[in-house]
């Protein structure tokens, strides 16, 4: 993605400059911008889990990962989840580096505008999933938690 901006504030931009920045974005960039931070991390994690599921795992661990993917259907449709491919090696390196910061900080780093855009550039299936309409609490029969 070509436009770079942190998630917090407008980086010293005026409201008009910030609005112009958003208007200069293409539809894909706007889709990423308007994806909530928590959903950004979840999308990355879905891709990581699909990578892990390609490995030989004990049945109990495979089941836990599949149960996590099932719980994601409370936020994303099954169609969106199915769009996401296993994370590639390059994106997985970014993920592993972020994990070295600890769980909370890794979550924040992976959802940052620049990092998330880099991961999506390497894993375009995440963008495809973002473009699938999202589930709302009244659609899914499950409350958001």
N, C-alpha and C. Protein backbone atom coordinates (compact mmCIF):
# COMPACT_ATOMS: atom_id res chain seq x y z
N UNK A 1 0.84 -1.16 0.00
CA UNK A 1 0.00 0.00 0.00
C UNK A 1 0.90 1.24 0.00
N UNK A 2 0.51 2.23 -0.72
CA UNK A 2 1.40 3.36 -0.93
C UNK A 2 1.29 4.44 0.12
N UNK A 3 0.13 4.67 0.67
CA UNK A 3 -0.03 5.73 1.66
C UNK A 3 0.35 5.22 3.03
N UNK A 4 1.12 6.00 3.76
CA UNK A 4 1.51 5.57 5.10
C UNK A 4 1.03 6.58 6.11
N UNK A 5 0.43 6.09 7.17
CA UNK A 5 -0.01 6.95 8.25
C UNK A 5 -0.20 6.12 9.50
N UNK A 6 0.26 6.60 10.63
CA UNK A 6 0.01 5.85 11.86
C UNK A 6 -1.47 5.90 12.22
N UNK A 7 -1.89 4.96 13.07
CA UNK A 7 -3.28 4.89 13.47
C UNK A 7 -3.69 6.00 14.42
N UNK A 8 -2.77 6.50 15.23
CA UNK A 8 -3.12 7.52 16.18
C UNK A 8 -2.91 8.91 15.58
N UNK A 9 -3.93 9.76 15.71
CA UNK A 9 -3.79 11.14 15.31
C UNK A 9 -3.65 11.32 13.82
N UNK A 10 -3.32 12.53 13.44
CA UNK A 10 -3.17 12.83 12.02
C UNK A 10 -1.74 13.24 11.71
N UNK A 11 -0.79 12.90 12.58
CA UNK A 11 0.63 13.18 12.36
C UNK A 11 0.88 14.64 12.09
N UNK A 12 0.22 15.51 12.82
CA UNK A 12 0.43 16.94 12.67
C UNK A 12 -0.28 17.54 11.48
N UNK A 13 -1.10 16.78 10.81
CA UNK A 13 -1.85 17.28 9.67
C UNK A 13 -3.07 18.05 10.13
N UNK A 14 -3.46 19.00 9.31
CA UNK A 14 -4.73 19.68 9.57
C UNK A 14 -5.86 18.74 9.16
N UNK A 15 -7.06 19.08 9.55
CA UNK A 15 -8.21 18.27 9.17
C UNK A 15 -8.31 18.20 7.65
N UNK A 16 -8.10 19.30 6.98
CA UNK A 16 -8.18 19.33 5.51
C UNK A 16 -7.11 18.44 4.88
N UNK A 17 -5.89 18.47 5.43
CA UNK A 17 -4.81 17.63 4.91
C UNK A 17 -5.12 16.16 5.14
N UNK A 18 -5.64 15.86 6.32
CA UNK A 18 -6.00 14.47 6.62
C UNK A 18 -7.11 13.99 5.67
N UNK A 19 -8.10 14.81 5.47
CA UNK A 19 -9.20 14.45 4.55
C UNK A 19 -8.68 14.25 3.14
N UNK A 20 -7.76 15.12 2.70
CA UNK A 20 -7.18 14.98 1.36
C UNK A 20 -6.38 13.69 1.25
N UNK A 21 -5.67 13.34 2.32
CA UNK A 21 -4.91 12.09 2.34
C UNK A 21 -5.84 10.90 2.14
N UNK A 22 -6.95 10.89 2.85
CA UNK A 22 -7.91 9.79 2.72
C UNK A 22 -8.51 9.78 1.32
N UNK A 23 -8.84 10.94 0.80
CA UNK A 23 -9.41 11.02 -0.55
C UNK A 23 -8.44 10.55 -1.63
N UNK A 24 -7.14 10.64 -1.35
CA UNK A 24 -6.15 10.21 -2.34
C UNK A 24 -5.99 8.69 -2.38
N UNK A 25 -6.59 8.00 -1.43
CA UNK A 25 -6.46 6.54 -1.36
C UNK A 25 -7.34 5.86 -2.39
N UNK A 26 -6.88 4.68 -2.83
CA UNK A 26 -7.74 3.86 -3.69
C UNK A 26 -8.67 3.03 -2.78
N UNK A 27 -9.58 2.29 -3.38
CA UNK A 27 -10.57 1.54 -2.60
C UNK A 27 -9.93 0.50 -1.68
N UNK A 28 -8.86 -0.15 -2.15
CA UNK A 28 -8.18 -1.15 -1.32
C UNK A 28 -7.57 -0.50 -0.08
N UNK A 29 -6.91 0.63 -0.26
CA UNK A 29 -6.29 1.33 0.87
C UNK A 29 -7.34 1.80 1.86
N UNK A 30 -8.47 2.26 1.36
CA UNK A 30 -9.56 2.69 2.26
C UNK A 30 -10.12 1.48 3.03
N UNK A 31 -10.23 0.35 2.36
CA UNK A 31 -10.72 -0.86 3.05
C UNK A 31 -9.80 -1.21 4.21
N UNK A 32 -8.48 -1.10 4.00
CA UNK A 32 -7.53 -1.38 5.08
C UNK A 32 -7.63 -0.33 6.18
N UNK A 33 -7.73 0.93 5.78
CA UNK A 33 -7.80 2.02 6.76
C UNK A 33 -9.00 1.85 7.69
N UNK A 34 -10.13 1.46 7.11
CA UNK A 34 -11.36 1.37 7.90
C UNK A 34 -11.57 0.01 8.56
N UNK A 35 -10.60 -0.88 8.46
CA UNK A 35 -10.67 -2.14 9.19
C UNK A 35 -10.26 -1.87 10.64
N UNK A 36 -11.14 -2.14 11.59
CA UNK A 36 -10.80 -1.87 13.00
C UNK A 36 -9.52 -2.59 13.41
N UNK A 37 -8.79 -1.97 14.31
CA UNK A 37 -7.49 -2.48 14.75
C UNK A 37 -7.60 -3.92 15.25
N UNK A 38 -8.58 -4.22 16.07
CA UNK A 38 -8.74 -5.58 16.59
C UNK A 38 -8.99 -6.59 15.49
N UNK A 39 -9.70 -6.20 14.46
CA UNK A 39 -9.95 -7.10 13.35
C UNK A 39 -8.69 -7.28 12.50
N UNK A 40 -7.86 -6.26 12.44
CA UNK A 40 -6.58 -6.41 11.71
C UNK A 40 -5.76 -7.55 12.33
N UNK A 41 -5.63 -7.52 13.65
CA UNK A 41 -4.86 -8.55 14.33
C UNK A 41 -5.49 -9.93 14.12
N UNK A 42 -6.81 -9.99 14.20
CA UNK A 42 -7.49 -11.27 14.02
C UNK A 42 -7.25 -11.82 12.63
N UNK A 43 -7.28 -10.97 11.62
CA UNK A 43 -7.03 -11.42 10.25
C UNK A 43 -5.62 -11.97 10.10
N UNK A 44 -4.65 -11.30 10.71
CA UNK A 44 -3.27 -11.78 10.69
C UNK A 44 -3.19 -13.13 11.38
N UNK A 45 -3.84 -13.25 12.54
CA UNK A 45 -3.80 -14.50 13.29
C UNK A 45 -4.46 -15.65 12.53
N UNK A 46 -5.53 -15.37 11.81
CA UNK A 46 -6.17 -16.41 11.01
C UNK A 46 -5.18 -16.96 9.98
N UNK A 47 -4.43 -16.05 9.35
CA UNK A 47 -3.44 -16.48 8.37
C UNK A 47 -2.33 -17.31 9.02
N UNK A 48 -1.90 -16.89 10.21
CA UNK A 48 -0.88 -17.65 10.95
C UNK A 48 -1.40 -19.03 11.31
N UNK A 49 -2.62 -19.09 11.81
CA UNK A 49 -3.21 -20.37 12.21
C UNK A 49 -3.31 -21.31 11.01
N UNK A 50 -3.70 -20.77 9.88
CA UNK A 50 -3.77 -21.62 8.68
C UNK A 50 -2.38 -22.14 8.30
N UNK A 51 -1.36 -21.36 8.56
CA UNK A 51 0.01 -21.83 8.33
C UNK A 51 0.33 -22.98 9.29
N UNK A 52 0.02 -22.79 10.57
CA UNK A 52 0.28 -23.83 11.57
C UNK A 52 -0.48 -25.12 11.24
N UNK A 53 -1.69 -24.98 10.71
CA UNK A 53 -2.50 -26.16 10.40
C UNK A 53 -1.90 -27.00 9.28
N UNK A 54 -0.98 -26.45 8.53
CA UNK A 54 -0.30 -27.21 7.48
C UNK A 54 0.75 -28.16 8.06
N UNK A 55 1.16 -27.91 9.29
CA UNK A 55 2.18 -28.74 9.94
C UNK A 55 1.53 -29.95 10.59
N UNK A 56 2.37 -30.92 10.93
CA UNK A 56 1.91 -32.08 11.68
C UNK A 56 1.68 -31.63 13.13
N UNK A 57 0.45 -31.74 13.59
CA UNK A 57 0.10 -31.34 14.94
C UNK A 57 -0.65 -32.46 15.64
N UNK A 58 -0.52 -32.48 16.95
CA UNK A 58 -1.34 -33.41 17.72
C UNK A 58 -2.79 -33.00 17.54
N UNK A 59 -3.68 -33.97 17.59
CA UNK A 59 -5.10 -33.72 17.35
C UNK A 59 -5.66 -32.66 18.28
N UNK A 60 -5.24 -32.66 19.56
CA UNK A 60 -5.80 -31.68 20.50
C UNK A 60 -5.41 -30.25 20.12
N UNK A 61 -4.21 -30.04 19.58
CA UNK A 61 -3.79 -28.70 19.17
C UNK A 61 -4.48 -28.28 17.88
N UNK A 62 -4.61 -29.23 16.96
CA UNK A 62 -5.33 -28.95 15.71
C UNK A 62 -6.77 -28.55 16.01
N UNK A 63 -7.40 -29.27 16.96
CA UNK A 63 -8.77 -28.96 17.34
C UNK A 63 -8.87 -27.55 17.93
N UNK A 64 -7.95 -27.17 18.78
CA UNK A 64 -7.97 -25.83 19.37
C UNK A 64 -7.86 -24.75 18.31
N UNK A 65 -7.00 -24.97 17.32
CA UNK A 65 -6.84 -23.99 16.25
C UNK A 65 -8.12 -23.91 15.41
N UNK A 66 -8.71 -25.03 15.12
CA UNK A 66 -9.95 -25.04 14.34
C UNK A 66 -11.09 -24.39 15.13
N UNK A 67 -11.11 -24.60 16.44
CA UNK A 67 -12.13 -23.95 17.27
C UNK A 67 -11.95 -22.44 17.26
N UNK A 68 -10.70 -21.96 17.26
CA UNK A 68 -10.46 -20.52 17.16
C UNK A 68 -11.01 -19.99 15.84
N UNK A 69 -10.73 -20.68 14.75
CA UNK A 69 -11.24 -20.24 13.45
C UNK A 69 -12.77 -20.20 13.46
N UNK A 70 -13.38 -21.18 14.10
CA UNK A 70 -14.84 -21.20 14.19
C UNK A 70 -15.36 -20.00 14.97
N UNK A 71 -14.68 -19.63 16.06
CA UNK A 71 -15.11 -18.47 16.85
C UNK A 71 -14.98 -17.17 16.05
N UNK A 72 -14.06 -17.14 15.12
CA UNK A 72 -13.90 -15.94 14.28
C UNK A 72 -15.11 -15.70 13.41
N UNK A 73 -15.94 -16.74 13.20
CA UNK A 73 -17.13 -16.57 12.38
C UNK A 73 -18.18 -15.71 13.09
N UNK A 74 -17.92 -15.32 14.32
CA UNK A 74 -18.78 -14.36 15.00
C UNK A 74 -18.49 -12.94 14.55
N UNK A 75 -17.33 -12.72 13.93
CA UNK A 75 -16.95 -11.40 13.43
C UNK A 75 -16.86 -11.38 11.92
N UNK A 76 -16.31 -12.43 11.34
CA UNK A 76 -16.15 -12.55 9.90
C UNK A 76 -17.01 -13.70 9.39
N UNK A 77 -17.48 -13.58 8.18
CA UNK A 77 -18.25 -14.68 7.61
C UNK A 77 -17.31 -15.85 7.32
N UNK A 78 -17.88 -17.00 7.20
CA UNK A 78 -17.07 -18.18 6.86
C UNK A 78 -16.43 -17.98 5.48
N UNK A 79 -17.13 -17.28 4.60
CA UNK A 79 -16.57 -16.98 3.28
C UNK A 79 -15.30 -16.13 3.41
N UNK A 80 -15.34 -15.13 4.27
CA UNK A 80 -14.17 -14.28 4.47
C UNK A 80 -13.01 -15.09 5.04
N UNK A 81 -13.30 -15.91 6.03
CA UNK A 81 -12.27 -16.74 6.66
C UNK A 81 -11.66 -17.69 5.63
N UNK A 82 -12.51 -18.24 4.78
CA UNK A 82 -12.00 -19.18 3.77
C UNK A 82 -11.12 -18.48 2.73
N UNK A 83 -11.27 -17.18 2.55
CA UNK A 83 -10.45 -16.42 1.59
C UNK A 83 -8.99 -16.34 2.02
N UNK A 84 -8.76 -16.37 3.33
CA UNK A 84 -7.42 -16.14 3.86
C UNK A 84 -6.56 -17.38 3.68
N UNK A 85 -5.41 -17.17 3.07
CA UNK A 85 -4.46 -18.26 2.83
C UNK A 85 -3.44 -18.33 3.96
N UNK A 86 -2.77 -19.47 4.10
CA UNK A 86 -1.70 -19.57 5.10
C UNK A 86 -0.64 -18.50 4.87
N UNK A 87 -0.15 -17.94 5.96
CA UNK A 87 0.83 -16.87 5.87
C UNK A 87 2.11 -17.35 5.20
N UNK A 88 2.64 -16.51 4.31
CA UNK A 88 3.89 -16.83 3.61
C UNK A 88 5.08 -16.65 4.56
N UNK A 89 6.22 -17.14 4.12
CA UNK A 89 7.44 -17.08 4.95
C UNK A 89 7.82 -15.65 5.34
N UNK A 90 7.76 -14.73 4.38
CA UNK A 90 8.18 -13.35 4.66
C UNK A 90 7.27 -12.68 5.69
N UNK A 91 5.97 -12.83 5.52
CA UNK A 91 5.03 -12.25 6.47
C UNK A 91 5.16 -12.93 7.83
N UNK A 92 5.44 -14.24 7.83
CA UNK A 92 5.60 -14.96 9.09
C UNK A 92 6.83 -14.46 9.85
N UNK A 93 7.86 -14.04 9.15
CA UNK A 93 9.03 -13.45 9.81
C UNK A 93 8.64 -12.16 10.53
N UNK A 94 7.79 -11.34 9.92
CA UNK A 94 7.30 -10.12 10.58
C UNK A 94 6.53 -10.50 11.83
N UNK A 95 5.66 -11.50 11.71
CA UNK A 95 4.87 -11.98 12.85
C UNK A 95 5.79 -12.45 13.98
N UNK A 96 6.81 -13.25 13.65
CA UNK A 96 7.72 -13.78 14.68
C UNK A 96 8.49 -12.65 15.36
N UNK A 97 8.92 -11.65 14.60
CA UNK A 97 9.63 -10.52 15.20
C UNK A 97 8.72 -9.77 16.17
N UNK A 98 7.48 -9.57 15.79
CA UNK A 98 6.53 -8.88 16.67
C UNK A 98 6.31 -9.68 17.95
N UNK A 99 6.26 -11.00 17.86
CA UNK A 99 6.03 -11.84 19.03
C UNK A 99 7.16 -11.71 20.06
N UNK A 100 8.34 -11.34 19.63
CA UNK A 100 9.46 -11.16 20.55
C UNK A 100 9.22 -10.01 21.51
N UNK A 101 8.26 -9.13 21.18
CA UNK A 101 7.95 -7.98 22.03
C UNK A 101 6.99 -8.32 23.16
N UNK A 102 6.46 -9.53 23.16
CA UNK A 102 5.46 -9.93 24.15
C UNK A 102 4.08 -9.86 23.54
N UNK A 103 3.15 -10.57 24.13
CA UNK A 103 1.82 -10.74 23.55
C UNK A 103 1.09 -9.41 23.32
N UNK A 104 1.01 -8.56 24.32
CA UNK A 104 0.25 -7.30 24.19
C UNK A 104 0.89 -6.38 23.17
N UNK A 105 2.18 -6.19 23.26
CA UNK A 105 2.87 -5.29 22.33
C UNK A 105 2.83 -5.85 20.91
N UNK A 106 2.93 -7.16 20.76
CA UNK A 106 2.87 -7.78 19.43
C UNK A 106 1.53 -7.49 18.78
N UNK A 107 0.46 -7.59 19.55
CA UNK A 107 -0.87 -7.30 19.04
C UNK A 107 -0.92 -5.87 18.51
N UNK A 108 -0.42 -4.94 19.29
CA UNK A 108 -0.42 -3.53 18.88
C UNK A 108 0.42 -3.31 17.63
N UNK A 109 1.59 -3.91 17.58
CA UNK A 109 2.51 -3.72 16.45
C UNK A 109 1.91 -4.30 15.17
N UNK A 110 1.36 -5.50 15.24
CA UNK A 110 0.82 -6.14 14.04
C UNK A 110 -0.38 -5.38 13.47
N UNK A 111 -1.09 -4.65 14.30
CA UNK A 111 -2.25 -3.89 13.84
C UNK A 111 -1.88 -2.48 13.40
N UNK A 112 -0.64 -2.04 13.62
CA UNK A 112 -0.23 -0.71 13.18
C UNK A 112 -0.36 -0.60 11.67
N UNK A 113 -0.68 0.59 11.22
CA UNK A 113 -0.92 0.85 9.80
C UNK A 113 0.20 0.31 8.91
N UNK A 114 1.44 0.70 9.18
CA UNK A 114 2.55 0.31 8.31
C UNK A 114 2.80 -1.19 8.33
N UNK A 115 2.77 -1.79 9.50
CA UNK A 115 3.03 -3.23 9.63
C UNK A 115 1.91 -4.03 8.98
N UNK A 116 0.68 -3.66 9.28
CA UNK A 116 -0.46 -4.37 8.70
C UNK A 116 -0.43 -4.27 7.17
N UNK A 117 -0.13 -3.09 6.65
CA UNK A 117 -0.04 -2.93 5.19
C UNK A 117 1.05 -3.82 4.60
N UNK A 118 2.17 -3.93 5.30
CA UNK A 118 3.27 -4.78 4.81
C UNK A 118 2.83 -6.24 4.77
N UNK A 119 2.14 -6.68 5.81
CA UNK A 119 1.66 -8.06 5.85
C UNK A 119 0.64 -8.31 4.75
N UNK A 120 -0.27 -7.36 4.54
CA UNK A 120 -1.28 -7.51 3.50
C UNK A 120 -0.63 -7.52 2.12
N UNK A 121 0.41 -6.71 1.93
CA UNK A 121 1.11 -6.72 0.64
C UNK A 121 1.72 -8.09 0.36
N UNK A 122 2.19 -8.76 1.41
CA UNK A 122 2.75 -10.10 1.26
C UNK A 122 1.69 -11.20 1.24
N UNK A 123 0.53 -10.90 1.83
CA UNK A 123 -0.57 -11.86 1.94
C UNK A 123 -1.86 -11.22 1.43
N UNK A 124 -1.98 -11.05 0.12
CA UNK A 124 -3.15 -10.34 -0.44
C UNK A 124 -4.49 -11.01 -0.16
N UNK A 125 -4.47 -12.26 0.26
CA UNK A 125 -5.74 -12.92 0.58
C UNK A 125 -6.41 -12.26 1.79
N UNK A 126 -5.63 -11.57 2.62
CA UNK A 126 -6.23 -10.85 3.76
C UNK A 126 -7.10 -9.71 3.23
N UNK A 127 -6.62 -9.01 2.22
CA UNK A 127 -7.42 -7.94 1.61
C UNK A 127 -8.69 -8.51 1.00
N UNK A 128 -8.59 -9.66 0.36
CA UNK A 128 -9.79 -10.30 -0.21
C UNK A 128 -10.80 -10.59 0.88
N UNK A 129 -10.33 -11.03 2.04
CA UNK A 129 -11.23 -11.32 3.17
C UNK A 129 -11.88 -10.04 3.70
N UNK A 130 -11.11 -8.96 3.74
CA UNK A 130 -11.65 -7.68 4.22
C UNK A 130 -12.80 -7.21 3.33
N UNK A 131 -12.71 -7.50 2.06
CA UNK A 131 -13.73 -7.05 1.11
C UNK A 131 -15.03 -7.84 1.19
N UNK A 132 -15.01 -8.99 1.86
CA UNK A 132 -16.23 -9.77 2.06
C UNK A 132 -17.03 -9.08 3.16
N UNK A 133 -18.32 -8.87 2.98
CA UNK A 133 -19.11 -8.19 4.02
C UNK A 133 -18.95 -8.86 5.38
N UNK A 134 -18.88 -8.03 6.41
CA UNK A 134 -18.67 -8.52 7.77
C UNK A 134 -19.97 -8.96 8.41
N UNK A 135 -19.82 -9.78 9.43
CA UNK A 135 -20.95 -10.24 10.24
C UNK A 135 -21.22 -9.18 11.29
N UNK A 136 -22.47 -8.91 11.54
CA UNK A 136 -22.86 -8.02 12.64
C UNK A 136 -23.50 -8.88 13.73
N UNK A 137 -23.58 -8.37 14.96
CA UNK A 137 -24.16 -9.19 16.03
C UNK A 137 -25.57 -9.67 15.71
N UNK A 138 -26.36 -8.86 15.04
CA UNK A 138 -27.73 -9.25 14.73
C UNK A 138 -27.80 -10.24 13.57
N UNK A 139 -26.74 -10.31 12.73
CA UNK A 139 -26.69 -11.29 11.64
C UNK A 139 -26.27 -12.67 12.15
N UNK A 140 -25.36 -12.69 13.10
CA UNK A 140 -24.74 -13.96 13.49
C UNK A 140 -25.50 -14.70 14.57
N UNK A 141 -26.39 -14.00 15.26
CA UNK A 141 -27.08 -14.63 16.37
C UNK A 141 -26.18 -14.72 17.60
N UNK A 142 -24.99 -14.13 17.51
CA UNK A 142 -24.03 -14.14 18.64
C UNK A 142 -23.70 -12.70 18.97
N UNK A 143 -23.58 -12.43 20.23
CA UNK A 143 -23.19 -11.08 20.66
C UNK A 143 -21.69 -10.91 20.54
N UNK A 144 -21.26 -9.71 20.19
CA UNK A 144 -19.83 -9.42 20.19
C UNK A 144 -19.35 -9.34 21.61
N UNK A 145 -18.19 -9.86 21.85
CA UNK A 145 -17.64 -9.81 23.21
C UNK A 145 -16.37 -9.02 23.22
